[in-house]
Amino acid sequence: MKIKLSYLNTEIFYHTEGKGLPVILIHGFAEDSEVWSEQKSFLKDHCRLIIPDLPGSGLSAFENNKQENADTIEYYADVVYALLRYETIEYCLMLGHSMGGYITLAFAEKYPELLKGFGLIHSTAFADSAEKKQNRQKGISMMEEYGGYSFLKTTTPNLFAAKFKAAHPEKVETLIEKGKGFSTVALQQYYRAMMNRPDRTNILKNSNKPVLFVMGTEDVAAPLEDVLKQTYLPIISFVHILEDTGHMGMWEHPEKMNNAILEFIKNVESNQRLRL
């Protein structure tokens, strides 16, 4: 079911499917809710899925192409919070891919009482390094000069492992074509939000909630060695390493991704029943 919510003069669209424990799936940069299509069809029989199009993505366009404060990760965490309040959800699991993971961590910092657990899917709690910030600034300038779609045509193939790109060029092309639906302003605001986010490893250290980590051996955006260091920080970590996988495990290895998420859901549900 597709639902619309008005938030700060912006229409937020989201999908909801299934019954049971609420599980929020948050997409990443230059994606929309459809990036989770393989997970949606599998998980809807096991939980209550809520999958938003973040402002500026999919059907949730920015009013006048720009939204105040949308260049902060906290803004998107507040959008998700408004969605949960609208749905009268008292607790949930939240899983974020890439930029969606940054939003999930910001949410865990601001609204920890609403989480039974959370997950970083090809994502990191580290802030951008000085080099990464410089690269993002260059990206913003490139978008300004050549447009957001041209920028995505250049960068999107790097998100996939070499084997997958060779075997499924049509999948890579599908994600590139998605870029036509994004305004350059929205993409630039996402980049600024990511560039300016703080380190949130303290959220992993101090949270008493279970945390799911899914990483790819060929991921250049969230390198395996960086994410592995973070898996030791939470009290309870669920760790899944996807071989021959880049930054897009939801598409590159959907069955393994689905099983990793389902295992996490079942473990959280089991622990919840033990506490009752």
C-alpha atoms as a PDB file:
ATOM      1  CA  MET A   1       0.000   0.000   0.000  1.00  0.00           C
ATOM      2  CA  LYS A   2       1.284   3.464  -0.918  1.00  0.00           C
ATOM      3  CA  ILE A   3       0.616   6.263   1.600  1.00  0.00           C
ATOM      4  CA  LYS A   4       1.265  10.016   1.569  1.00  0.00           C
ATOM      5  CA  LEU A   5       2.281  12.162   4.549  1.00  0.00           C
ATOM      6  CA  SER A   6       2.707  15.941   4.555  1.00  0.00           C
ATOM      7  CA  TYR A   7       5.797  17.100   6.434  1.00  0.00           C
ATOM      8  CA  LEU A   8       7.042  20.716   6.448  1.00  0.00           C
ATOM      9  CA  ASN A   9       5.338  21.490   3.137  1.00  0.00           C
ATOM     10  CA  THR A  10       6.781  18.360   1.528  1.00  0.00           C
ATOM     11  CA  GLU A  11       4.759  15.309   0.526  1.00  0.00           C
ATOM     12  CA  ILE A  12       6.417  12.118   1.773  1.00  0.00           C
ATOM     13  CA  PHE A  13       5.357   8.886   0.083  1.00  0.00           C
ATOM     14  CA  TYR A  14       6.000   5.481   1.578  1.00  0.00           C
ATOM     15  CA  HIS A  15       5.019   1.836   1.122  1.00  0.00           C
ATOM     16  CA  THR A  16       3.718  -0.418   3.824  1.00  0.00           C
ATOM     17  CA  GLU A  17       3.266  -4.192   3.591  1.00  0.00           C
ATOM     18  CA  GLY A  18       2.751  -7.114   5.951  1.00  0.00           C
ATOM     19  CA  LYS A  19       2.013  -7.487   9.651  1.00  0.00           C
ATOM     20  CA  GLY A  20       4.025  -7.925  12.838  1.00  0.00           C
ATOM     21  CA  LEU A  21       7.183  -6.210  14.032  1.00  0.00           C
ATOM     22  CA  PRO A  22       7.578  -2.869  12.177  1.00  0.00           C
ATOM     23  CA  VAL A  23      10.738  -2.827  10.062  1.00  0.00           C
ATOM     24  CA  ILE A  24      11.769   0.441   8.409  1.00  0.00           C
ATOM     25  CA  LEU A  25      14.000   0.217   5.316  1.00  0.00           C
ATOM     26  CA  ILE A  26      15.753   3.474   4.406  1.00  0.00           C
ATOM     27  CA  HIS A  27      17.320   3.844   0.974  1.00  0.00           C
ATOM     28  CA  GLY A  28      20.558   5.588   0.136  1.00  0.00           C
ATOM     29  CA  PHE A  29      21.839   8.375  -2.107  1.00  0.00           C
ATOM     30  CA  ALA A  30      20.324   8.567  -5.608  1.00  0.00           C
ATOM     31  CA  GLU A  31      17.935   5.699  -4.788  1.00  0.00           C
ATOM     32  CA  ASP A  32      14.303   5.426  -3.808  1.00  0.00           C
ATOM     33  CA  SER A  33      12.132   2.854  -2.052  1.00  0.00           C
ATOM     34  CA  GLU A  34      12.271   0.552  -5.083  1.00  0.00           C
ATOM     35  CA  VAL A  35      15.898  -0.293  -4.317  1.00  0.00           C
ATOM     36  CA  TRP A  36      14.412  -2.623  -1.666  1.00  0.00           C
ATOM     37  CA  SER A  37      12.050  -4.410  -4.100  1.00  0.00           C
ATOM     38  CA  GLU A  38      13.725  -7.821  -3.656  1.00  0.00           C
ATOM     39  CA  GLN A  39      13.594  -7.470   0.124  1.00  0.00           C
ATOM     40  CA  LYS A  40      10.025  -6.212   0.103  1.00  0.00           C
ATOM     41  CA  SER A  41       8.662  -9.240  -1.749  1.00  0.00           C
ATOM     42  CA  PHE A  42      10.514 -11.614   0.592  1.00  0.00           C
ATOM     43  CA  LEU A  43      10.107  -9.934   3.981  1.00  0.00           C
ATOM     44  CA  LYS A  44       6.462  -8.858   3.764  1.00  0.00           C
ATOM     45  CA  ASP A  45       5.380 -12.304   5.028  1.00  0.00           C
ATOM     46  CA  HIS A  46       7.567 -11.957   8.128  1.00  0.00           C
ATOM     47  CA  CYS A  47       7.050  -8.412   9.426  1.00  0.00           C
ATOM     48  CA  ARG A  48       5.367  -5.071   8.856  1.00  0.00           C
ATOM     49  CA  LEU A  49       7.496  -3.257   6.302  1.00  0.00           C
ATOM     50  CA  ILE A  50       7.557   0.513   5.985  1.00  0.00           C
ATOM     51  CA  ILE A  51       9.694   1.817   3.121  1.00  0.00           C
ATOM     52  CA  PRO A  52       9.791   5.578   2.472  1.00  0.00           C
ATOM     53  CA  ASP A  53      10.890   7.671  -0.458  1.00  0.00           C
ATOM     54  CA  LEU A  54      13.075  10.230   1.303  1.00  0.00           C
ATOM     55  CA  PRO A  55      12.418  13.889   0.427  1.00  0.00           C
ATOM     56  CA  GLY A  56      13.887  14.575  -2.995  1.00  0.00           C
ATOM     57  CA  SER A  57      13.685  10.884  -4.002  1.00  0.00           C
ATOM     58  CA  GLY A  58      11.065   8.854  -5.845  1.00  0.00           C
ATOM     59  CA  LEU A  59       7.619  10.361  -5.415  1.00  0.00           C
ATOM     60  CA  SER A  60       8.697  12.561  -2.481  1.00  0.00           C
ATOM     61  CA  ALA A  61       9.881  15.598  -4.418  1.00  0.00           C
ATOM     62  CA  PHE A  62      11.152  18.740  -2.691  1.00  0.00           C
ATOM     63  CA  GLU A  63       8.769  21.652  -2.985  1.00  0.00           C
ATOM     64  CA  ASN A  64      10.327  24.133  -5.415  1.00  0.00           C
ATOM     65  CA  ASN A  65      13.201  21.650  -5.802  1.00  0.00           C
ATOM     66  CA  LYS A  66      14.694  22.599  -2.431  1.00  0.00           C
ATOM     67  CA  GLN A  67      13.871  22.091   1.234  1.00  0.00           C
ATOM     68  CA  GLU A  68      15.242  24.017   4.197  1.00  0.00           C
ATOM     69  CA  ASN A  69      17.588  21.964   6.417  1.00  0.00           C
ATOM     70  CA  ALA A  70      17.698  19.115   3.883  1.00  0.00           C
ATOM     71  CA  ASP A  71      21.473  19.447   3.845  1.00  0.00           C
ATOM     72  CA  THR A  72      21.644  17.778   7.267  1.00  0.00           C
ATOM     73  CA  ILE A  73      21.297  14.076   8.020  1.00  0.00           C
ATOM     74  CA  GLU A  74      19.210  14.970  11.091  1.00  0.00           C
ATOM     75  CA  TYR A  75      16.506  16.433   8.837  1.00  0.00           C
ATOM     76  CA  TYR A  76      15.911  13.029   7.254  1.00  0.00           C
ATOM     77  CA  ALA A  77      15.903  11.345  10.675  1.00  0.00           C
ATOM     78  CA  ASP A  78      13.158  13.777  11.688  1.00  0.00           C
ATOM     79  CA  VAL A  79      11.202  12.903   8.537  1.00  0.00           C
ATOM     80  CA  VAL A  80      11.317   9.207   9.495  1.00  0.00           C
ATOM     81  CA  TYR A  81      10.279  10.094  13.046  1.00  0.00           C
ATOM     82  CA  ALA A  82       7.251  12.016  11.712  1.00  0.00           C
ATOM     83  CA  LEU A  83       6.345   8.996   9.595  1.00  0.00           C
ATOM     84  CA  LEU A  84       6.473   6.672  12.616  1.00  0.00           C
ATOM     85  CA  ARG A  85       4.321   9.066  14.652  1.00  0.00           C
ATOM     86  CA  TYR A  86       1.835   9.227  11.779  1.00  0.00           C
ATOM     87  CA  GLU A  87       1.678   5.424  11.740  1.00  0.00           C
ATOM     88  CA  THR A  88       1.412   5.374  15.582  1.00  0.00           C
ATOM     89  CA  ILE A  89       4.426   3.039  15.779  1.00  0.00           C
ATOM     90  CA  GLU A  90       5.813   2.685  19.308  1.00  0.00           C
ATOM     91  CA  TYR A  91       8.921   0.686  18.375  1.00  0.00           C
ATOM     92  CA  CYS A  92      10.593  -0.749  15.296  1.00  0.00           C
ATOM     93  CA  LEU A  93      13.707  -2.120  13.666  1.00  0.00           C
ATOM     94  CA  MET A  94      15.407   0.321  11.319  1.00  0.00           C
ATOM     95  CA  LEU A  95      17.817  -0.662   8.545  1.00  0.00           C
ATOM     96  CA  GLY A  96      19.564   1.859   6.334  1.00  0.00           C
ATOM     97  CA  HIS A  97      21.561   1.437   3.148  1.00  0.00           C
ATOM     98  CA  SER A  98      24.595   3.738   2.742  1.00  0.00           C
ATOM     99  CA  MET A  99      23.207   7.266   3.341  1.00  0.00           C
ATOM    100  CA  GLY A 100      20.193   5.514   4.854  1.00  0.00           C
ATOM    101  CA  GLY A 101      22.580   4.074   7.448  1.00  0.00           C
ATOM    102  CA  TYR A 102      23.734   7.593   8.363  1.00  0.00           C
ATOM    103  CA  ILE A 103      20.074   8.525   8.830  1.00  0.00           C
ATOM    104  CA  THR A 104      19.491   5.419  10.936  1.00  0.00           C
ATOM    105  CA  LEU A 105      22.377   6.369  13.244  1.00  0.00           C
ATOM    106  CA  ALA A 106      21.071   9.929  13.575  1.00  0.00           C
ATOM    107  CA  PHE A 107      17.668   8.477  14.410  1.00  0.00           C
ATOM    108  CA  ALA A 108      19.232   6.171  17.025  1.00  0.00           C
ATOM    109  CA  GLU A 109      20.878   9.220  18.587  1.00  0.00           C
ATOM    110  CA  LYS A 110      17.717  11.335  18.680  1.00  0.00           C
ATOM    111  CA  TYR A 111      14.989   8.734  19.244  1.00  0.00           C
ATOM    112  CA  PRO A 112      16.585   5.627  20.829  1.00  0.00           C
ATOM    113  CA  GLU A 113      13.393   4.711  22.685  1.00  0.00           C
ATOM    114  CA  LEU A 114      11.686   3.865  19.384  1.00  0.00           C
ATOM    115  CA  LEU A 115      14.252   1.258  18.330  1.00  0.00           C
ATOM    116  CA  LYS A 116      14.427  -2.443  19.187  1.00  0.00           C
ATOM    117  CA  GLY A 117      17.508  -2.683  17.010  1.00  0.00           C
ATOM    118  CA  PHE A 118      19.029  -1.138  13.905  1.00  0.00           C
ATOM    119  CA  GLY A 119      21.225  -2.047  10.975  1.00  0.00           C
ATOM    120  CA  LEU A 120      23.903  -0.601   8.724  1.00  0.00           C
ATOM    121  CA  ILE A 121      23.670  -2.015   5.215  1.00  0.00           C
ATOM    122  CA  HIS A 122      26.875  -1.110   3.344  1.00  0.00           C
ATOM    123  CA  SER A 123      27.212   1.884   5.653  1.00  0.00           C
ATOM    124  CA  THR A 124      29.473   3.312   8.352  1.00  0.00           C
ATOM    125  CA  ALA A 125      29.357   5.258  11.614  1.00  0.00           C
ATOM    126  CA  PHE A 126      32.597   7.058  10.729  1.00  0.00           C
ATOM    127  CA  ALA A 127      32.432  10.667   9.582  1.00  0.00           C
ATOM    128  CA  ASP A 128      33.829  11.565   6.181  1.00  0.00           C
ATOM    129  CA  SER A 129      37.605  11.860   6.114  1.00  0.00           C
ATOM    130  CA  ALA A 130      39.139  15.121   4.877  1.00  0.00           C
ATOM    131  CA  GLU A 131      39.804  13.417   1.534  1.00  0.00           C
ATOM    132  CA  LYS A 132      36.226  12.164   1.280  1.00  0.00           C
ATOM    133  CA  LYS A 133      34.848  15.630   2.058  1.00  0.00           C
ATOM    134  CA  GLN A 134      37.054  17.070  -0.662  1.00  0.00           C
ATOM    135  CA  ASN A 135      35.740  14.480  -3.133  1.00  0.00           C
ATOM    136  CA  ARG A 136      32.147  15.254  -2.191  1.00  0.00           C
ATOM    137  CA  GLN A 137      32.768  18.971  -2.723  1.00  0.00           C
ATOM    138  CA  LYS A 138      34.190  18.167  -6.156  1.00  0.00           C
ATOM    139  CA  GLY A 139      31.055  16.101  -6.815  1.00  0.00           C
ATOM    140  CA  ILE A 140      28.820  19.033  -5.886  1.00  0.00           C
ATOM    141  CA  SER A 141      30.782  21.240  -8.296  1.00  0.00           C
ATOM    142  CA  MET A 142      30.543  18.628 -11.059  1.00  0.00           C
ATOM    143  CA  MET A 143      26.780  18.422 -10.587  1.00  0.00           C
ATOM    144  CA  GLU A 144      26.565  22.204 -10.773  1.00  0.00           C
ATOM    145  CA  GLU A 145      28.481  22.279 -14.051  1.00  0.00           C
ATOM    146  CA  TYR A 146      27.218  19.149 -15.803  1.00  0.00           C
ATOM    147  CA  GLY A 147      24.003  18.223 -13.976  1.00  0.00           C
ATOM    148  CA  GLY A 148      23.163  15.490 -11.500  1.00  0.00           C
ATOM    149  CA  TYR A 149      22.385  12.828 -14.101  1.00  0.00           C
ATOM    150  CA  SER A 150      25.766  13.196 -15.821  1.00  0.00           C
ATOM    151  CA  PHE A 151      27.451  12.856 -12.442  1.00  0.00           C
ATOM    152  CA  LEU A 152      25.503   9.669 -11.647  1.00  0.00           C
ATOM    153  CA  LYS A 153      26.334   8.154 -15.046  1.00  0.00           C
ATOM    154  CA  THR A 154      29.993   8.459 -14.125  1.00  0.00           C
ATOM    155  CA  THR A 155      29.845   7.295 -10.512  1.00  0.00           C
ATOM    156  CA  THR A 156      27.069   4.680 -10.324  1.00  0.00           C
ATOM    157  CA  PRO A 157      28.989   1.786 -11.989  1.00  0.00           C
ATOM    158  CA  ASN A 158      31.562   2.000  -9.177  1.00  0.00           C
ATOM    159  CA  LEU A 159      28.915   0.830  -6.695  1.00  0.00           C
ATOM    160  CA  PHE A 160      28.879  -2.705  -8.117  1.00  0.00           C
ATOM    161  CA  ALA A 161      31.438  -5.482  -7.965  1.00  0.00           C
ATOM    162  CA  ALA A 162      33.248  -6.243 -11.233  1.00  0.00           C
ATOM    163  CA  LYS A 163      31.704  -9.711 -11.631  1.00  0.00           C
ATOM    164  CA  PHE A 164      28.185  -8.378 -11.216  1.00  0.00           C
ATOM    165  CA  LYS A 165      28.754  -5.513 -13.648  1.00  0.00           C
ATOM    166  CA  ALA A 166      29.973  -7.937 -16.287  1.00  0.00           C
ATOM    167  CA  ALA A 167      27.097 -10.390 -15.741  1.00  0.00           C
ATOM    168  CA  HIS A 168      24.275  -7.861 -15.265  1.00  0.00           C
ATOM    169  CA  PRO A 169      24.988  -4.613 -17.119  1.00  0.00           C
ATOM    170  CA  GLU A 170      21.222  -4.038 -17.380  1.00  0.00           C
ATOM    171  CA  LYS A 171      20.947  -3.764 -13.587  1.00  0.00           C
ATOM    172  CA  VAL A 172      23.671  -1.135 -13.507  1.00  0.00           C
ATOM    173  CA  GLU A 173      21.889   0.717 -16.304  1.00  0.00           C
ATOM    174  CA  THR A 174      18.603   0.571 -14.369  1.00  0.00           C
ATOM    175  CA  LEU A 175      20.147   2.370 -11.410  1.00  0.00           C
ATOM    176  CA  ILE A 176      21.799   4.928 -13.699  1.00  0.00           C
ATOM    177  CA  GLU A 177      18.472   5.637 -15.405  1.00  0.00           C
ATOM    178  CA  LYS A 178      16.890   6.202 -11.991  1.00  0.00           C
ATOM    179  CA  GLY A 179      19.135   9.252 -11.829  1.00  0.00           C
ATOM    180  CA  LYS A 180      16.949  11.075 -14.352  1.00  0.00           C
ATOM    181  CA  GLY A 181      14.286  11.351 -11.648  1.00  0.00           C
ATOM    182  CA  PHE A 182      16.483  13.391  -9.289  1.00  0.00           C
ATOM    183  CA  SER A 183      16.931  17.132  -9.357  1.00  0.00           C
ATOM    184  CA  THR A 184      20.520  18.320  -9.215  1.00  0.00           C
ATOM    185  CA  VAL A 185      19.625  20.424  -6.154  1.00  0.00           C
ATOM    186  CA  ALA A 186      18.368  17.363  -4.240  1.00  0.00           C
ATOM    187  CA  LEU A 187      21.522  15.372  -5.054  1.00  0.00           C
ATOM    188  CA  GLN A 188      23.711  18.286  -3.949  1.00  0.00           C
ATOM    189  CA  GLN A 189      21.806  18.583  -0.671  1.00  0.00           C
ATOM    190  CA  TYR A 190      22.293  14.853  -0.013  1.00  0.00           C
ATOM    191  CA  TYR A 191      26.024  15.277  -0.592  1.00  0.00           C
ATOM    192  CA  ARG A 192      26.216  18.230   1.795  1.00  0.00           C
ATOM    193  CA  ALA A 193      24.281  16.274   4.426  1.00  0.00           C
ATOM    194  CA  MET A 194      26.673  13.333   4.148  1.00  0.00           C
ATOM    195  CA  MET A 195      29.742  15.555   4.056  1.00  0.00           C
ATOM    196  CA  ASN A 196      28.772  17.415   7.227  1.00  0.00           C
ATOM    197  CA  ARG A 197      27.600  14.494   9.343  1.00  0.00           C
ATOM    198  CA  PRO A 198      29.520  13.813  12.576  1.00  0.00           C
ATOM    199  CA  ASP A 199      31.211  10.598  13.635  1.00  0.00           C
ATOM    200  CA  ARG A 200      28.594   8.441  15.362  1.00  0.00           C
ATOM    201  CA  THR A 201      30.672   5.511  16.591  1.00  0.00           C
ATOM    202  CA  ASN A 202      29.573   6.565  20.092  1.00  0.00           C
ATOM    203  CA  ILE A 203      26.034   5.484  19.150  1.00  0.00           C
ATOM    204  CA  LEU A 204      27.351   1.997  18.435  1.00  0.00           C
ATOM    205  CA  LYS A 205      29.382   1.956  21.675  1.00  0.00           C
ATOM    206  CA  ASN A 206      26.639   3.238  23.959  1.00  0.00           C
ATOM    207  CA  SER A 207      23.529   1.617  22.532  1.00  0.00           C
ATOM    208  CA  ASN A 208      22.113  -1.449  24.275  1.00  0.00           C
ATOM    209  CA  LYS A 209      20.288  -2.442  21.064  1.00  0.00           C
ATOM    210  CA  PRO A 210      21.411  -5.195  18.676  1.00  0.00           C
ATOM    211  CA  VAL A 211      23.045  -3.933  15.494  1.00  0.00           C
ATOM    212  CA  LEU A 212      23.147  -5.627  12.093  1.00  0.00           C
ATOM    213  CA  PHE A 213      26.147  -5.043   9.825  1.00  0.00           C
ATOM    214  CA  VAL A 214      26.057  -6.163   6.188  1.00  0.00           C
ATOM    215  CA  MET A 215      29.153  -5.454   4.114  1.00  0.00           C
ATOM    216  CA  GLY A 216      30.623  -6.421   0.749  1.00  0.00           C
ATOM    217  CA  THR A 217      34.148  -7.591   0.061  1.00  0.00           C
ATOM    218  CA  GLU A 218      34.336  -5.361  -3.044  1.00  0.00           C
ATOM    219  CA  ASP A 219      32.623  -2.299  -1.578  1.00  0.00           C
ATOM    220  CA  VAL A 220      34.671   0.834  -2.299  1.00  0.00           C
ATOM    221  CA  ALA A 221      32.106   3.231  -0.781  1.00  0.00           C
ATOM    222  CA  ALA A 222      31.967   1.508   2.636  1.00  0.00           C
ATOM    223  CA  PRO A 223      35.200  -0.530   2.657  1.00  0.00           C
ATOM    224  CA  LEU A 224      35.124  -3.873   4.437  1.00  0.00           C
ATOM    225  CA  GLU A 225      38.106  -3.104   6.666  1.00  0.00           C
ATOM    226  CA  ASP A 226      36.516   0.140   7.903  1.00  0.00           C
ATOM    227  CA  VAL A 227      33.168  -1.424   8.743  1.00  0.00           C
ATOM    228  CA  LEU A 228      34.724  -4.493  10.385  1.00  0.00           C
ATOM    229  CA  LYS A 229      36.374  -2.225  12.971  1.00  0.00           C
ATOM    230  CA  GLN A 230      32.927  -1.005  13.987  1.00  0.00           C
ATOM    231  CA  THR A 231      31.380  -4.435  14.499  1.00  0.00           C
ATOM    232  CA  TYR A 232      33.198  -4.742  17.847  1.00  0.00           C
ATOM    233  CA  LEU A 233      31.602  -1.591  19.278  1.00  0.00           C
ATOM    234  CA  PRO A 234      27.987  -2.631  20.007  1.00  0.00           C
ATOM    235  CA  ILE A 235      27.057  -4.961  22.859  1.00  0.00           C
ATOM    236  CA  ILE A 236      25.395  -7.295  20.331  1.00  0.00           C
ATOM    237  CA  SER A 237      26.431  -7.375  16.664  1.00  0.00           C
ATOM    238  CA  PHE A 238      25.117  -9.488  13.807  1.00  0.00           C
ATOM    239  CA  VAL A 239      27.736  -9.514  11.051  1.00  0.00           C
ATOM    240  CA  HIS A 240      27.293 -10.661   7.445  1.00  0.00           C
ATOM    241  CA  ILE A 241      30.062 -10.397   4.844  1.00  0.00           C
ATOM    242  CA  LEU A 242      28.914 -10.816   1.245  1.00  0.00           C
ATOM    243  CA  GLU A 243      31.622 -12.192  -1.051  1.00  0.00           C
ATOM    244  CA  ASP A 244      32.121 -10.697  -4.533  1.00  0.00           C
ATOM    245  CA  THR A 245      29.749  -7.880  -3.598  1.00  0.00           C
ATOM    246  CA  GLY A 246      30.109  -4.137  -3.957  1.00  0.00           C
ATOM    247  CA  HIS A 247      27.895  -1.475  -2.395  1.00  0.00           C
ATOM    248  CA  MET A 248      24.585  -2.853  -3.671  1.00  0.00           C
ATOM    249  CA  GLY A 249      24.094  -6.220  -1.956  1.00  0.00           C
ATOM    250  CA  MET A 250      20.305  -5.802  -2.157  1.00  0.00           C
ATOM    251  CA  TRP A 251      20.646  -6.318  -5.919  1.00  0.00           C
ATOM    252  CA  GLU A 252      23.940  -8.170  -6.229  1.00  0.00           C
ATOM    253  CA  HIS A 253      23.037 -10.949  -3.776  1.00  0.00           C
ATOM    254  CA  PRO A 254      19.371 -10.466  -2.833  1.00  0.00           C
ATOM    255  CA  GLU A 255      18.888 -13.948  -1.363  1.00  0.00           C
ATOM    256  CA  LYS A 256      21.840 -13.566   1.019  1.00  0.00           C
ATOM    257  CA  MET A 257      20.705 -10.062   1.943  1.00  0.00           C
ATOM    258  CA  ASN A 258      17.163 -11.260   2.588  1.00  0.00           C
ATOM    259  CA  ASN A 259      18.368 -14.078   4.816  1.00  0.00           C
ATOM    260  CA  ALA A 260      20.666 -11.756   6.780  1.00  0.00           C
ATOM    261  CA  ILE A 261      17.809  -9.342   7.463  1.00  0.00           C
ATOM    262  CA  LEU A 262      15.332 -12.114   8.306  1.00  0.00           C
ATOM    263  CA  GLU A 263      17.788 -13.707  10.750  1.00  0.00           C
ATOM    264  CA  PHE A 264      18.144 -10.328  12.465  1.00  0.00           C
ATOM    265  CA  ILE A 265      14.377  -9.838  12.660  1.00  0.00           C
ATOM    266  CA  LYS A 266      13.839 -13.302  14.140  1.00  0.00           C
ATOM    267  CA  ASN A 267      16.569 -12.830  16.732  1.00  0.00           C
ATOM    268  CA  VAL A 268      15.160  -9.492  17.858  1.00  0.00           C
ATOM    269  CA  GLU A 269      11.652 -10.949  18.038  1.00  0.00           C
ATOM    270  CA  SER A 270      12.928 -13.947  20.020  1.00  0.00           C
ATOM    271  CA  ASN A 271      14.752 -11.730  22.533  1.00  0.00           C
ATOM    272  CA  GLN A 272      11.686  -9.548  22.835  1.00  0.00           C
ATOM    273  CA  ARG A 273       9.509 -12.562  23.738  1.00  0.00           C
ATOM    274  CA  LEU A 274      12.056 -13.692  26.345  1.00  0.00           C
ATOM    275  CA  ARG A 275      11.772 -10.326  28.083  1.00  0.00           C
ATOM    276  CA  LEU A 276       7.968 -10.524  28.307  1.00  0.00           C
END
